[in-house]
Amino acid sequence: MPHVLIVDDDDLVREVGYQMLLKLGHTVQAASDGRQALEILRTQASFDFLFSDVMMPGGMNGVELAKAAADLRPSLKIILVTGNMDTALMQGEVLPNVFAILPKPYRKQQLADLIAG
């Protein structure tokens, strides 16, 4: 099963996604921000997916994280999650032709379908 790194600054949202991924049978690790996620990607062996919120405070949003992660690990599959698709698209934060996008709220089956791809 895929090894997934989930990143969200909201503890509850991150935990819900984490539990969904576990129930789908994936190996999961979590990070609370982009900098922590990049450190995990730099120091730990294998991840198949990065699953990150788009809007995160702390100097690195999800799109910036996704770009840096893709540079670090070109084969990494990336799914970005956003609670406000229209705003994210208008602000140019989400690149729909580059990364998979999952709108919040999402269901476990939607997540499973994206990962199964």
PDB file of N, CA and C in Angstrom:
ATOM      1  N   MET A   1       0.842  -1.196   0.000  1.00  0.00           N
ATOM      2  CA  MET A   1       0.000   0.000   0.000  1.00  0.00           C
ATOM      3  C   MET A   1       0.877   1.247   0.000  1.00  0.00           C
ATOM      4  N   PRO A   2       0.345   2.315  -0.568  1.00  0.00           N
ATOM      5  CA  PRO A   2       1.109   3.562  -0.616  1.00  0.00           C
ATOM      6  C   PRO A   2       1.444   4.130   0.766  1.00  0.00           C
ATOM      7  N   HIS A   3       2.583   4.797   0.819  1.00  0.00           N
ATOM      8  CA  HIS A   3       3.035   5.518   2.005  1.00  0.00           C
ATOM      9  C   HIS A   3       2.702   6.991   1.763  1.00  0.00           C
ATOM     10  N   VAL A   4       1.908   7.584   2.654  1.00  0.00           N
ATOM     11  CA  VAL A   4       1.380   8.928   2.456  1.00  0.00           C
ATOM     12  C   VAL A   4       1.860   9.860   3.559  1.00  0.00           C
ATOM     13  N   LEU A   5       2.277  11.067   3.157  1.00  0.00           N
ATOM     14  CA  LEU A   5       2.584  12.139   4.102  1.00  0.00           C
ATOM     15  C   LEU A   5       1.441  13.140   4.034  1.00  0.00           C
ATOM     16  N   ILE A   6       0.704  13.294   5.130  1.00  0.00           N
ATOM     17  CA  ILE A   6      -0.408  14.241   5.174  1.00  0.00           C
ATOM     18  C   ILE A   6       0.046  15.495   5.915  1.00  0.00           C
ATOM     19  N   VAL A   7      -0.307  16.663   5.360  1.00  0.00           N
ATOM     20  CA  VAL A   7       0.127  17.936   5.939  1.00  0.00           C
ATOM     21  C   VAL A   7      -1.073  18.866   6.068  1.00  0.00           C
ATOM     22  N   ASP A   8      -1.333  19.303   7.291  1.00  0.00           N
ATOM     23  CA  ASP A   8      -2.400  20.279   7.539  1.00  0.00           C
ATOM     24  C   ASP A   8      -2.096  20.971   8.854  1.00  0.00           C
ATOM     25  N   ASP A   9      -2.282  22.268   8.904  1.00  0.00           N
ATOM     26  CA  ASP A   9      -2.003  23.021  10.120  1.00  0.00           C
ATOM     27  C   ASP A   9      -3.100  22.863  11.164  1.00  0.00           C
ATOM     28  N   ASP A  10      -4.275  22.410  10.763  1.00  0.00           N
ATOM     29  CA  ASP A  10      -5.389  22.209  11.685  1.00  0.00           C
ATOM     30  C   ASP A  10      -5.320  20.779  12.232  1.00  0.00           C
ATOM     31  N   ASP A  11      -5.128  20.648  13.537  1.00  0.00           N
ATOM     32  CA  ASP A  11      -4.948  19.332  14.153  1.00  0.00           C
ATOM     33  C   ASP A  11      -6.113  18.393  13.881  1.00  0.00           C
ATOM     34  N   LEU A  12      -7.338  18.885  14.003  1.00  0.00           N
ATOM     35  CA  LEU A  12      -8.511  18.043  13.814  1.00  0.00           C
ATOM     36  C   LEU A  12      -8.641  17.587  12.368  1.00  0.00           C
ATOM     37  N   VAL A  13      -8.472  18.497  11.428  1.00  0.00           N
ATOM     38  CA  VAL A  13      -8.566  18.155  10.011  1.00  0.00           C
ATOM     39  C   VAL A  13      -7.477  17.161   9.627  1.00  0.00           C
ATOM     40  N   ARG A  14      -6.272  17.398  10.125  1.00  0.00           N
ATOM     41  CA  ARG A  14      -5.161  16.484   9.850  1.00  0.00           C
ATOM     42  C   ARG A  14      -5.460  15.089  10.395  1.00  0.00           C
ATOM     43  N   GLU A  15      -6.007  15.014  11.598  1.00  0.00           N
ATOM     44  CA  GLU A  15      -6.315  13.726  12.216  1.00  0.00           C
ATOM     45  C   GLU A  15      -7.419  12.980  11.454  1.00  0.00           C
ATOM     46  N   VAL A  16      -8.422  13.697  10.984  1.00  0.00           N
ATOM     47  CA  VAL A  16      -9.489  13.065  10.205  1.00  0.00           C
ATOM     48  C   VAL A  16      -8.915  12.469   8.920  1.00  0.00           C
ATOM     49  N   GLY A  17      -8.107  13.225   8.216  1.00  0.00           N
ATOM     50  CA  GLY A  17      -7.472  12.717   6.994  1.00  0.00           C
ATOM     51  C   GLY A  17      -6.550  11.549   7.285  1.00  0.00           C
ATOM     52  N   TYR A  18      -5.802  11.647   8.365  1.00  0.00           N
ATOM     53  CA  TYR A  18      -4.887  10.587   8.788  1.00  0.00           C
ATOM     54  C   TYR A  18      -5.655   9.287   9.016  1.00  0.00           C
ATOM     55  N   GLN A  19      -6.756   9.385   9.753  1.00  0.00           N
ATOM     56  CA  GLN A  19      -7.562   8.202  10.049  1.00  0.00           C
ATOM     57  C   GLN A  19      -8.198   7.620   8.786  1.00  0.00           C
ATOM     58  N   MET A  20      -8.650   8.474   7.882  1.00  0.00           N
ATOM     59  CA  MET A  20      -9.205   7.987   6.609  1.00  0.00           C
ATOM     60  C   MET A  20      -8.163   7.182   5.841  1.00  0.00           C
ATOM     61  N   LEU A  21      -6.969   7.735   5.755  1.00  0.00           N
ATOM     62  CA  LEU A  21      -5.894   7.061   5.030  1.00  0.00           C
ATOM     63  C   LEU A  21      -5.534   5.727   5.683  1.00  0.00           C
ATOM     64  N   LEU A  22      -5.492   5.691   7.010  1.00  0.00           N
ATOM     65  CA  LEU A  22      -5.227   4.434   7.713  1.00  0.00           C
ATOM     66  C   LEU A  22      -6.305   3.401   7.402  1.00  0.00           C
ATOM     67  N   LYS A  23      -7.562   3.833   7.424  1.00  0.00           N
ATOM     68  CA  LYS A  23      -8.675   2.916   7.156  1.00  0.00           C
ATOM     69  C   LYS A  23      -8.655   2.405   5.717  1.00  0.00           C
ATOM     70  N   LEU A  24      -8.042   3.174   4.829  1.00  0.00           N
ATOM     71  CA  LEU A  24      -7.892   2.724   3.440  1.00  0.00           C
ATOM     72  C   LEU A  24      -6.702   1.770   3.291  1.00  0.00           C
ATOM     73  N   GLY A  25      -5.976   1.558   4.385  1.00  0.00           N
ATOM     74  CA  GLY A  25      -4.881   0.599   4.377  1.00  0.00           C
ATOM     75  C   GLY A  25      -3.507   1.170   4.075  1.00  0.00           C
ATOM     76  N   HIS A  26      -3.377   2.494   4.094  1.00  0.00           N
ATOM     77  CA  HIS A  26      -2.108   3.127   3.773  1.00  0.00           C
ATOM     78  C   HIS A  26      -1.233   3.293   5.011  1.00  0.00           C
ATOM     79  N   THR A  27       0.056   3.361   4.786  1.00  0.00           N
ATOM     80  CA  THR A  27       0.996   3.767   5.816  1.00  0.00           C
ATOM     81  C   THR A  27       0.988   5.290   5.801  1.00  0.00           C
ATOM     82  N   VAL A  28       0.837   5.915   6.958  1.00  0.00           N
ATOM     83  CA  VAL A  28       0.642   7.361   6.995  1.00  0.00           C
ATOM     84  C   VAL A  28       1.578   7.997   8.013  1.00  0.00           C
ATOM     85  N   GLN A  29       2.095   9.152   7.628  1.00  0.00           N
ATOM     86  CA  GLN A  29       2.849   9.997   8.540  1.00  0.00           C
ATOM     87  C   GLN A  29       2.277  11.401   8.403  1.00  0.00           C
ATOM     88  N   ALA A  30       2.319  12.183   9.473  1.00  0.00           N
ATOM     89  CA  ALA A  30       1.713  13.506   9.468  1.00  0.00           C
ATOM     90  C   ALA A  30       2.719  14.598   9.786  1.00  0.00           C
ATOM     91  N   ALA A  31       2.433  15.784   9.231  1.00  0.00           N
ATOM     92  CA  ALA A  31       3.210  16.992   9.518  1.00  0.00           C
ATOM     93  C   ALA A  31       2.226  18.146   9.685  1.00  0.00           C
ATOM     94  N   SER A  32       2.607  19.115  10.523  1.00  0.00           N
ATOM     95  CA  SER A  32       1.703  20.232  10.795  1.00  0.00           C
ATOM     96  C   SER A  32       1.971  21.470   9.943  1.00  0.00           C
ATOM     97  N   ASP A  33       3.070  21.464   9.186  1.00  0.00           N
ATOM     98  CA  ASP A  33       3.342  22.593   8.302  1.00  0.00           C
ATOM     99  C   ASP A  33       4.306  22.167   7.191  1.00  0.00           C
ATOM    100  N   GLY A  34       4.500  23.055   6.244  1.00  0.00           N
ATOM    101  CA  GLY A  34       5.328  22.741   5.088  1.00  0.00           C
ATOM    102  C   GLY A  34       6.778  22.487   5.414  1.00  0.00           C
ATOM    103  N   ARG A  35       7.326  23.247   6.312  1.00  0.00           N
ATOM    104  CA  ARG A  35       8.737  23.065   6.674  1.00  0.00           C
ATOM    105  C   ARG A  35       8.976  21.700   7.322  1.00  0.00           C
ATOM    106  N   GLN A  36       8.089  21.299   8.207  1.00  0.00           N
ATOM    107  CA  GLN A  36       8.202  19.992   8.839  1.00  0.00           C
ATOM    108  C   GLN A  36       8.052  18.887   7.787  1.00  0.00           C
ATOM    109  N   ALA A  37       7.131  19.066   6.862  1.00  0.00           N
ATOM    110  CA  ALA A  37       6.917  18.074   5.805  1.00  0.00           C
ATOM    111  C   ALA A  37       8.158  17.916   4.936  1.00  0.00           C
ATOM    112  N   LEU A  38       8.786  19.021   4.559  1.00  0.00           N
ATOM    113  CA  LEU A  38      10.004  18.935   3.742  1.00  0.00           C
ATOM    114  C   LEU A  38      11.135  18.241   4.494  1.00  0.00           C
ATOM    115  N   GLU A  39      11.236  18.505   5.778  1.00  0.00           N
ATOM    116  CA  GLU A  39      12.266  17.836   6.575  1.00  0.00           C
ATOM    117  C   GLU A  39      12.025  16.324   6.594  1.00  0.00           C
ATOM    118  N   ILE A  40      10.781  15.928   6.737  1.00  0.00           N
ATOM    119  CA  ILE A  40      10.441  14.501   6.708  1.00  0.00           C
ATOM    120  C   ILE A  40      10.791  13.905   5.347  1.00  0.00           C
ATOM    121  N   LEU A  41      10.451  14.615   4.276  1.00  0.00           N
ATOM    122  CA  LEU A  41      10.754  14.119   2.924  1.00  0.00           C
ATOM    123  C   LEU A  41      12.260  14.020   2.678  1.00  0.00           C
ATOM    124  N   ARG A  42      13.024  14.926   3.261  1.00  0.00           N
ATOM    125  CA  ARG A  42      14.480  14.913   3.091  1.00  0.00           C
ATOM    126  C   ARG A  42      15.146  13.771   3.857  1.00  0.00           C
ATOM    127  N   THR A  43      14.577  13.400   5.002  1.00  0.00           N
ATOM    128  CA  THR A  43      15.273  12.478   5.900  1.00  0.00           C
ATOM    129  C   THR A  43      14.702  11.067   5.949  1.00  0.00           C
ATOM    130  N   GLN A  44      13.534  10.870   5.397  1.00  0.00           N
ATOM    131  CA  GLN A  44      12.940   9.537   5.466  1.00  0.00           C
ATOM    132  C   GLN A  44      12.794   8.946   4.072  1.00  0.00           C
ATOM    133  N   ALA A  45      12.898   7.665   4.015  1.00  0.00           N
ATOM    134  CA  ALA A  45      13.076   6.949   2.757  1.00  0.00           C
ATOM    135  C   ALA A  45      11.950   7.105   1.741  1.00  0.00           C
ATOM    136  N   SER A  46      10.869   6.441   1.938  1.00  0.00           N
ATOM    137  CA  SER A  46       9.935   6.334   0.824  1.00  0.00           C
ATOM    138  C   SER A  46       8.557   6.896   1.138  1.00  0.00           C
ATOM    139  N   PHE A  47       8.105   7.731   0.239  1.00  0.00           N
ATOM    140  CA  PHE A  47       6.722   8.206   0.255  1.00  0.00           C
ATOM    141  C   PHE A  47       6.222   8.118  -1.171  1.00  0.00           C
ATOM    142  N   ASP A  48       4.971   7.711  -1.307  1.00  0.00           N
ATOM    143  CA  ASP A  48       4.350   7.648  -2.625  1.00  0.00           C
ATOM    144  C   ASP A  48       3.497   8.878  -2.900  1.00  0.00           C
ATOM    145  N   PHE A  49       2.892   9.417  -1.823  1.00  0.00           N
ATOM    146  CA  PHE A  49       1.982  10.547  -1.956  1.00  0.00           C
ATOM    147  C   PHE A  49       2.262  11.618  -0.920  1.00  0.00           C
ATOM    148  N   LEU A  50       2.050  12.870  -1.351  1.00  0.00           N
ATOM    149  CA  LEU A  50       1.976  14.008  -0.453  1.00  0.00           C
ATOM    150  C   LEU A  50       0.534  14.481  -0.524  1.00  0.00           C
ATOM    151  N   PHE A  51      -0.115  14.593   0.609  1.00  0.00           N
ATOM    152  CA  PHE A  51      -1.518  15.001   0.705  1.00  0.00           C
ATOM    153  C   PHE A  51      -1.545  16.237   1.591  1.00  0.00           C
ATOM    154  N   SER A  52      -1.709  17.430   0.979  1.00  0.00           N
ATOM    155  CA  SER A  52      -1.526  18.668   1.728  1.00  0.00           C
ATOM    156  C   SER A  52      -2.654  19.667   1.516  1.00  0.00           C
ATOM    157  N   ASP A  53      -2.965  20.380   2.586  1.00  0.00           N
ATOM    158  CA  ASP A  53      -3.880  21.508   2.505  1.00  0.00           C
ATOM    159  C   ASP A  53      -3.201  22.612   1.685  1.00  0.00           C
ATOM    160  N   VAL A  54      -3.997  23.391   0.963  1.00  0.00           N
ATOM    161  CA  VAL A  54      -3.452  24.495   0.166  1.00  0.00           C
ATOM    162  C   VAL A  54      -3.125  25.692   1.058  1.00  0.00           C
ATOM    163  N   MET A  55      -4.092  26.113   1.844  1.00  0.00           N
ATOM    164  CA  MET A  55      -3.932  27.319   2.651  1.00  0.00           C
ATOM    165  C   MET A  55      -3.377  26.960   4.027  1.00  0.00           C
ATOM    166  N   MET A  56      -2.094  27.263   4.231  1.00  0.00           N
ATOM    167  CA  MET A  56      -1.463  27.021   5.526  1.00  0.00           C
ATOM    168  C   MET A  56      -0.636  28.240   5.900  1.00  0.00           C
ATOM    169  N   PRO A  57      -0.703  28.650   7.155  1.00  0.00           N
ATOM    170  CA  PRO A  57       0.132  29.767   7.600  1.00  0.00           C
ATOM    171  C   PRO A  57       1.561  29.293   7.843  1.00  0.00           C
ATOM    172  N   GLY A  58       2.417  30.221   8.171  1.00  0.00           N
ATOM    173  CA  GLY A  58       3.766  29.845   8.578  1.00  0.00           C
ATOM    174  C   GLY A  58       4.821  30.004   7.508  1.00  0.00           C
ATOM    175  N   GLY A  59       4.514  30.734   6.451  1.00  0.00           N
ATOM    176  CA  GLY A  59       5.539  31.024   5.466  1.00  0.00           C
ATOM    177  C   GLY A  59       5.600  30.086   4.282  1.00  0.00           C
ATOM    178  N   MET A  60       4.866  28.984   4.302  1.00  0.00           N
ATOM    179  CA  MET A  60       4.876  28.067   3.166  1.00  0.00           C
ATOM    180  C   MET A  60       3.477  27.474   3.021  1.00  0.00           C
ATOM    181  N   ASN A  61       2.800  27.844   1.921  1.00  0.00           N
ATOM    182  CA  ASN A  61       1.481  27.264   1.706  1.00  0.00           C
ATOM    183  C   ASN A  61       1.620  25.905   1.007  1.00  0.00           C
ATOM    184  N   GLY A  62       0.498  25.251   0.773  1.00  0.00           N
ATOM    185  CA  GLY A  62       0.520  23.921   0.197  1.00  0.00           C
ATOM    186  C   GLY A  62       1.076  23.847  -1.210  1.00  0.00           C
ATOM    187  N   VAL A  63       0.844  24.877  -2.007  1.00  0.00           N
ATOM    188  CA  VAL A  63       1.371  24.886  -3.376  1.00  0.00           C
ATOM    189  C   VAL A  63       2.889  25.027  -3.347  1.00  0.00           C
ATOM    190  N   GLU A  64       3.397  25.911  -2.499  1.00  0.00           N
ATOM    191  CA  GLU A  64       4.853  26.051  -2.357  1.00  0.00           C
ATOM    192  C   GLU A  64       5.473  24.749  -1.867  1.00  0.00           C
ATOM    193  N   LEU A  65       4.812  24.108  -0.917  1.00  0.00           N
ATOM    194  CA  LEU A  65       5.278  22.811  -0.433  1.00  0.00           C
ATOM    195  C   LEU A  65       5.282  21.789  -1.565  1.00  0.00           C
ATOM    196  N   ALA A  66       4.195  21.741  -2.326  1.00  0.00           N
ATOM    197  CA  ALA A  66       4.087  20.776  -3.414  1.00  0.00           C
ATOM    198  C   ALA A  66       5.204  20.967  -4.443  1.00  0.00           C
ATOM    199  N   LYS A  67       5.493  22.208  -4.788  1.00  0.00           N
ATOM    200  CA  LYS A  67       6.570  22.480  -5.750  1.00  0.00           C
ATOM    201  C   LYS A  67       7.928  22.040  -5.204  1.00  0.00           C
ATOM    202  N   ALA A  68       8.194  22.370  -3.945  1.00  0.00           N
ATOM    203  CA  ALA A  68       9.467  21.983  -3.331  1.00  0.00           C
ATOM    204  C   ALA A  68       9.570  20.460  -3.202  1.00  0.00           C
ATOM    205  N   ALA A  69       8.479  19.816  -2.844  1.00  0.00           N
ATOM    206  CA  ALA A  69       8.464  18.354  -2.711  1.00  0.00           C
ATOM    207  C   ALA A  69       8.672  17.688  -4.065  1.00  0.00           C
ATOM    208  N   ALA A  70       8.075  18.238  -5.113  1.00  0.00           N
ATOM    209  CA  ALA A  70       8.237  17.678  -6.456  1.00  0.00           C
ATOM    210  C   ALA A  70       9.679  17.832  -6.937  1.00  0.00           C
ATOM    211  N   ASP A  71      10.330  18.932  -6.576  1.00  0.00           N
ATOM    212  CA  ASP A  71      11.746  19.111  -6.917  1.00  0.00           C
ATOM    213  C   ASP A  71      12.615  18.107  -6.170  1.00  0.00           C
ATOM    214  N   LEU A  72      12.280  17.876  -4.903  1.00  0.00           N
ATOM    215  CA  LEU A  72      13.036  16.961  -4.057  1.00  0.00           C
ATOM    216  C   LEU A  72      12.831  15.504  -4.473  1.00  0.00           C
ATOM    217  N   ARG A  73      11.591  15.171  -4.804  1.00  0.00           N
ATOM    218  CA  ARG A  73      11.214  13.795  -5.175  1.00  0.00           C
ATOM    219  C   ARG A  73      10.314  13.839  -6.404  1.00  0.00           C
ATOM    220  N   PRO A  74      10.888  13.831  -7.589  1.00  0.00           N
ATOM    221  CA  PRO A  74      10.104  13.980  -8.816  1.00  0.00           C
ATOM    222  C   PRO A  74       9.017  12.916  -9.028  1.00  0.00           C
ATOM    223  N   SER A  75       9.170  11.738  -8.464  1.00  0.00           N
ATOM    224  CA  SER A  75       8.165  10.694  -8.662  1.00  0.00           C
ATOM    225  C   SER A  75       7.022  10.766  -7.648  1.00  0.00           C
ATOM    226  N   LEU A  76       7.097  11.682  -6.685  1.00  0.00           N
ATOM    227  CA  LEU A  76       6.080  11.821  -5.654  1.00  0.00           C
ATOM    228  C   LEU A  76       4.763  12.298  -6.267  1.00  0.00           C
ATOM    229  N   LYS A  77       3.684  11.596  -5.959  1.00  0.00           N
ATOM    230  CA  LYS A  77       2.356  12.027  -6.414  1.00  0.00           C
ATOM    231  C   LYS A  77       1.816  12.994  -5.377  1.00  0.00           C
ATOM    232  N   ILE A  78       1.169  14.065  -5.854  1.00  0.00           N
ATOM    233  CA  ILE A  78       0.749  15.136  -4.952  1.00  0.00           C
ATOM    234  C   ILE A  78      -0.738  15.407  -5.097  1.00  0.00           C
ATOM    235  N   ILE A  79      -1.413  15.430  -3.948  1.00  0.00           N
ATOM    236  CA  ILE A  79      -2.831  15.785  -3.887  1.00  0.00           C
ATOM    237  C   ILE A  79      -2.940  17.003  -2.976  1.00  0.00           C
ATOM    238  N   LEU A  80      -3.546  18.060  -3.495  1.00  0.00           N
ATOM    239  CA  LEU A  80      -3.778  19.270  -2.710  1.00  0.00           C
ATOM    240  C   LEU A  80      -5.254  19.352  -2.352  1.00  0.00           C
ATOM    241  N   VAL A  81      -5.525  19.770  -1.120  1.00  0.00           N
ATOM    242  CA  VAL A  81      -6.885  19.865  -0.613  1.00  0.00           C
ATOM    243  C   VAL A  81      -7.179  21.320  -0.294  1.00  0.00           C
ATOM    244  N   THR A  82      -8.374  21.778  -0.684  1.00  0.00           N
ATOM    245  CA  THR A  82      -8.729  23.162  -0.384  1.00  0.00           C
ATOM    246  C   THR A  82     -10.197  23.267  -0.005  1.00  0.00           C
ATOM    247  N   GLY A  83     -10.459  24.126   0.952  1.00  0.00           N
ATOM    248  CA  GLY A  83     -11.824  24.378   1.385  1.00  0.00           C
ATOM    249  C   GLY A  83     -12.496  25.469   0.578  1.00  0.00           C
ATOM    250  N   ASN A  84     -11.725  26.185  -0.225  1.00  0.00           N
ATOM    251  CA  ASN A  84     -12.295  27.264  -1.021  1.00  0.00           C
ATOM    252  C   ASN A  84     -11.665  27.249  -2.397  1.00  0.00           C
ATOM    253  N   MET A  85     -12.157  26.373  -3.236  1.00  0.00           N
ATOM    254  CA  MET A  85     -11.602  26.167  -4.579  1.00  0.00           C
ATOM    255  C   MET A  85     -11.626  27.438  -5.411  1.00  0.00           C
ATOM    256  N   ASP A  86     -12.746  28.158  -5.404  1.00  0.00           N
ATOM    257  CA  ASP A  86     -12.852  29.355  -6.237  1.00  0.00           C
ATOM    258  C   ASP A  86     -11.808  30.394  -5.860  1.00  0.00           C
ATOM    259  N   THR A  87     -11.662  30.659  -4.581  1.00  0.00           N
ATOM    260  CA  THR A  87     -10.676  31.641  -4.125  1.00  0.00           C
ATOM    261  C   THR A  87      -9.265  31.171  -4.462  1.00  0.00           C
ATOM    262  N   ALA A  88      -8.982  29.909  -4.217  1.00  0.00           N
ATOM    263  CA  ALA A  88      -7.644  29.386  -4.496  1.00  0.00           C
ATOM    264  C   ALA A  88      -7.315  29.489  -5.976  1.00  0.00           C
ATOM    265  N   LEU A  89      -8.274  29.162  -6.831  1.00  0.00           N
ATOM    266  CA  LEU A  89      -8.032  29.249  -8.275  1.00  0.00           C
ATOM    267  C   LEU A  89      -7.871  30.694  -8.729  1.00  0.00           C
ATOM    268  N   MET A  90      -8.713  31.589  -8.196  1.00  0.00           N
ATOM    269  CA  MET A  90      -8.621  32.993  -8.583  1.00  0.00           C
ATOM    270  C   MET A  90      -7.292  33.598  -8.155  1.00  0.00           C
ATOM    271  N   GLN A  91      -6.784  33.183  -7.029  1.00  0.00           N
ATOM    272  CA  GLN A  91      -5.523  33.717  -6.528  1.00  0.00           C
ATOM    273  C   GLN A  91      -4.326  33.014  -7.150  1.00  0.00           C
ATOM    274  N   GLY A  92      -4.583  32.042  -8.006  1.00  0.00           N
ATOM    275  CA  GLY A  92      -3.495  31.322  -8.647  1.00  0.00           C
ATOM    276  C   GLY A  92      -2.761  30.392  -7.712  1.00  0.00           C
ATOM    277  N   GLU A  93      -3.375  30.057  -6.571  1.00  0.00           N
ATOM    278  CA  GLU A  93      -2.714  29.209  -5.591  1.00  0.00           C
ATOM    279  C   GLU A  93      -2.703  27.736  -6.006  1.00  0.00           C
ATOM    280  N   VAL A  94      -3.699  27.326  -6.762  1.00  0.00           N
ATOM    281  CA  VAL A  94      -3.804  25.926  -7.138  1.00  0.00           C
ATOM    282  C   VAL A  94      -3.529  25.791  -8.626  1.00  0.00           C
ATOM    283  N   LEU A  95      -2.727  24.825  -8.985  1.00  0.00           N
ATOM    284  CA  LEU A  95      -2.378  24.591 -10.372  1.00  0.00           C
ATOM    285  C   LEU A  95      -3.044  23.290 -10.815  1.00  0.00           C
ATOM    286  N   PRO A  96      -4.305  23.362 -11.306  1.00  0.00           N
ATOM    287  CA  PRO A  96      -5.065  22.140 -11.559  1.00  0.00           C
ATOM    288  C   PRO A  96      -4.454  21.215 -12.603  1.00  0.00           C
ATOM    289  N   ASN A  97      -3.607  21.709 -13.465  1.00  0.00           N
ATOM    290  CA  ASN A  97      -2.995  20.845 -14.470  1.00  0.00           C
ATOM    291  C   ASN A  97      -1.703  20.205 -13.984  1.00  0.00           C
ATOM    292  N   VAL A  98      -1.255  20.572 -12.788  1.00  0.00           N
ATOM    293  CA  VAL A  98       0.003  20.059 -12.261  1.00  0.00           C
ATOM    294  C   VAL A  98      -0.227  19.085 -11.111  1.00  0.00           C
ATOM    295  N   PHE A  99      -1.111  19.449 -10.188  1.00  0.00           N
ATOM    296  CA  PHE A  99      -1.369  18.636  -9.005  1.00  0.00           C
ATOM    297  C   PHE A  99      -2.834  18.234  -8.970  1.00  0.00           C
ATOM    298  N   ALA A 100      -3.121  17.055  -8.420  1.00  0.00           N
ATOM    299  CA  ALA A 100      -4.509  16.646  -8.211  1.00  0.00           C
ATOM    300  C   ALA A 100      -5.105  17.528  -7.116  1.00  0.00           C
ATOM    301  N   ILE A 101      -6.374  17.887  -7.266  1.00  0.00           N
ATOM    302  CA  ILE A 101      -7.032  18.770  -6.313  1.00  0.00           C
ATOM    303  C   ILE A 101      -8.276  18.082  -5.774  1.00  0.00           C
ATOM    304  N   LEU A 102      -8.429  18.135  -4.461  1.00  0.00           N
ATOM    305  CA  LEU A 102      -9.581  17.549  -3.793  1.00  0.00           C
ATOM    306  C   LEU A 102     -10.241  18.638  -2.959  1.00  0.00           C
ATOM    307  N   PRO A 103     -11.503  18.992  -3.289  1.00  0.00           N
ATOM    308  CA  PRO A 103     -12.175  20.034  -2.493  1.00  0.00           C
ATOM    309  C   PRO A 103     -12.646  19.495  -1.143  1.00  0.00           C
ATOM    310  N   LYS A 104     -12.559  20.363  -0.123  1.00  0.00           N
ATOM    311  CA  LYS A 104     -13.101  20.043   1.199  1.00  0.00           C
ATOM    312  C   LYS A 104     -14.569  20.448   1.229  1.00  0.00           C
ATOM    313  N   PRO A 105     -15.396  19.773   1.945  1.00  0.00           N
ATOM    314  CA  PRO A 105     -15.138  18.512   2.625  1.00  0.00           C
ATOM    315  C   PRO A 105     -15.094  17.370   1.611  1.00  0.00           C
ATOM    316  N   TYR A 106     -14.315  16.382   1.882  1.00  0.00           N
ATOM    317  CA  TYR A 106     -14.202  15.240   0.983  1.00  0.00           C
ATOM    318  C   TYR A 106     -14.607  13.975   1.730  1.00  0.00           C
ATOM    319  N   ARG A 107     -14.941  12.969   0.952  1.00  0.00           N
ATOM    320  CA  ARG A 107     -15.316  11.677   1.527  1.00  0.00           C
ATOM    321  C   ARG A 107     -14.171  10.687   1.331  1.00  0.00           C
ATOM    322  N   LYS A 108     -14.171   9.671   2.147  1.00  0.00           N
ATOM    323  CA  LYS A 108     -13.122   8.652   2.092  1.00  0.00           C
ATOM    324  C   LYS A 108     -13.022   8.049   0.688  1.00  0.00           C
ATOM    325  N   GLN A 109     -14.163   7.814   0.041  1.00  0.00           N
ATOM    326  CA  GLN A 109     -14.132   7.208  -1.290  1.00  0.00           C
ATOM    327  C   GLN A 109     -13.501   8.133  -2.320  1.00  0.00           C
ATOM    328  N   GLN A 110     -13.732   9.441  -2.207  1.00  0.00           N
ATOM    329  CA  GLN A 110     -13.095  10.394  -3.120  1.00  0.00           C
ATOM    330  C   GLN A 110     -11.572  10.340  -2.974  1.00  0.00           C
ATOM    331  N   LEU A 111     -11.127  10.270  -1.747  1.00  0.00           N
ATOM    332  CA  LEU A 111      -9.687  10.173  -1.467  1.00  0.00           C
ATOM    333  C   LEU A 111      -9.136   8.869  -2.017  1.00  0.00           C
ATOM    334  N   ALA A 112      -9.837   7.777  -1.782  1.00  0.00           N
ATOM    335  CA  ALA A 112      -9.402   6.473  -2.286  1.00  0.00           C
ATOM    336  C   ALA A 112      -9.302   6.470  -3.808  1.00  0.00           C
ATOM    337  N   ASP A 113     -10.289   7.085  -4.468  1.00  0.00           N
ATOM    338  CA  ASP A 113     -10.284   7.141  -5.930  1.00  0.00           C
ATOM    339  C   ASP A 113      -9.101   7.942  -6.462  1.00  0.00           C
ATOM    340  N   LEU A 114      -8.782   9.047  -5.824  1.00  0.00           N
ATOM    341  CA  LEU A 114      -7.632   9.859  -6.257  1.00  0.00           C
ATOM    342  C   LEU A 114      -6.322   9.104  -6.089  1.00  0.00           C
ATOM    343  N   ILE A 115      -6.187   8.424  -4.977  1.00  0.00           N
ATOM    344  CA  ILE A 115      -4.952   7.668  -4.751  1.00  0.00           C
ATOM    345  C   ILE A 115      -4.842   6.500  -5.705  1.00  0.00           C
ATOM    346  N   ALA A 116      -5.972   5.856  -5.979  1.00  0.00           N
ATOM    347  CA  ALA A 116      -5.963   4.714  -6.916  1.00  0.00           C
ATOM    348  C   ALA A 116      -5.676   5.189  -8.336  1.00  0.00           C
ATOM    349  N   GLY A 117      -6.048   6.445  -8.604  1.00  0.00           N
ATOM    350  CA  GLY A 117      -5.783   7.168  -9.800  1.00  0.00           C
ATOM    351  C   GLY A 117      -5.923   6.582 -11.093  1.00  0.00           C
TER     352      GLY A 117
END
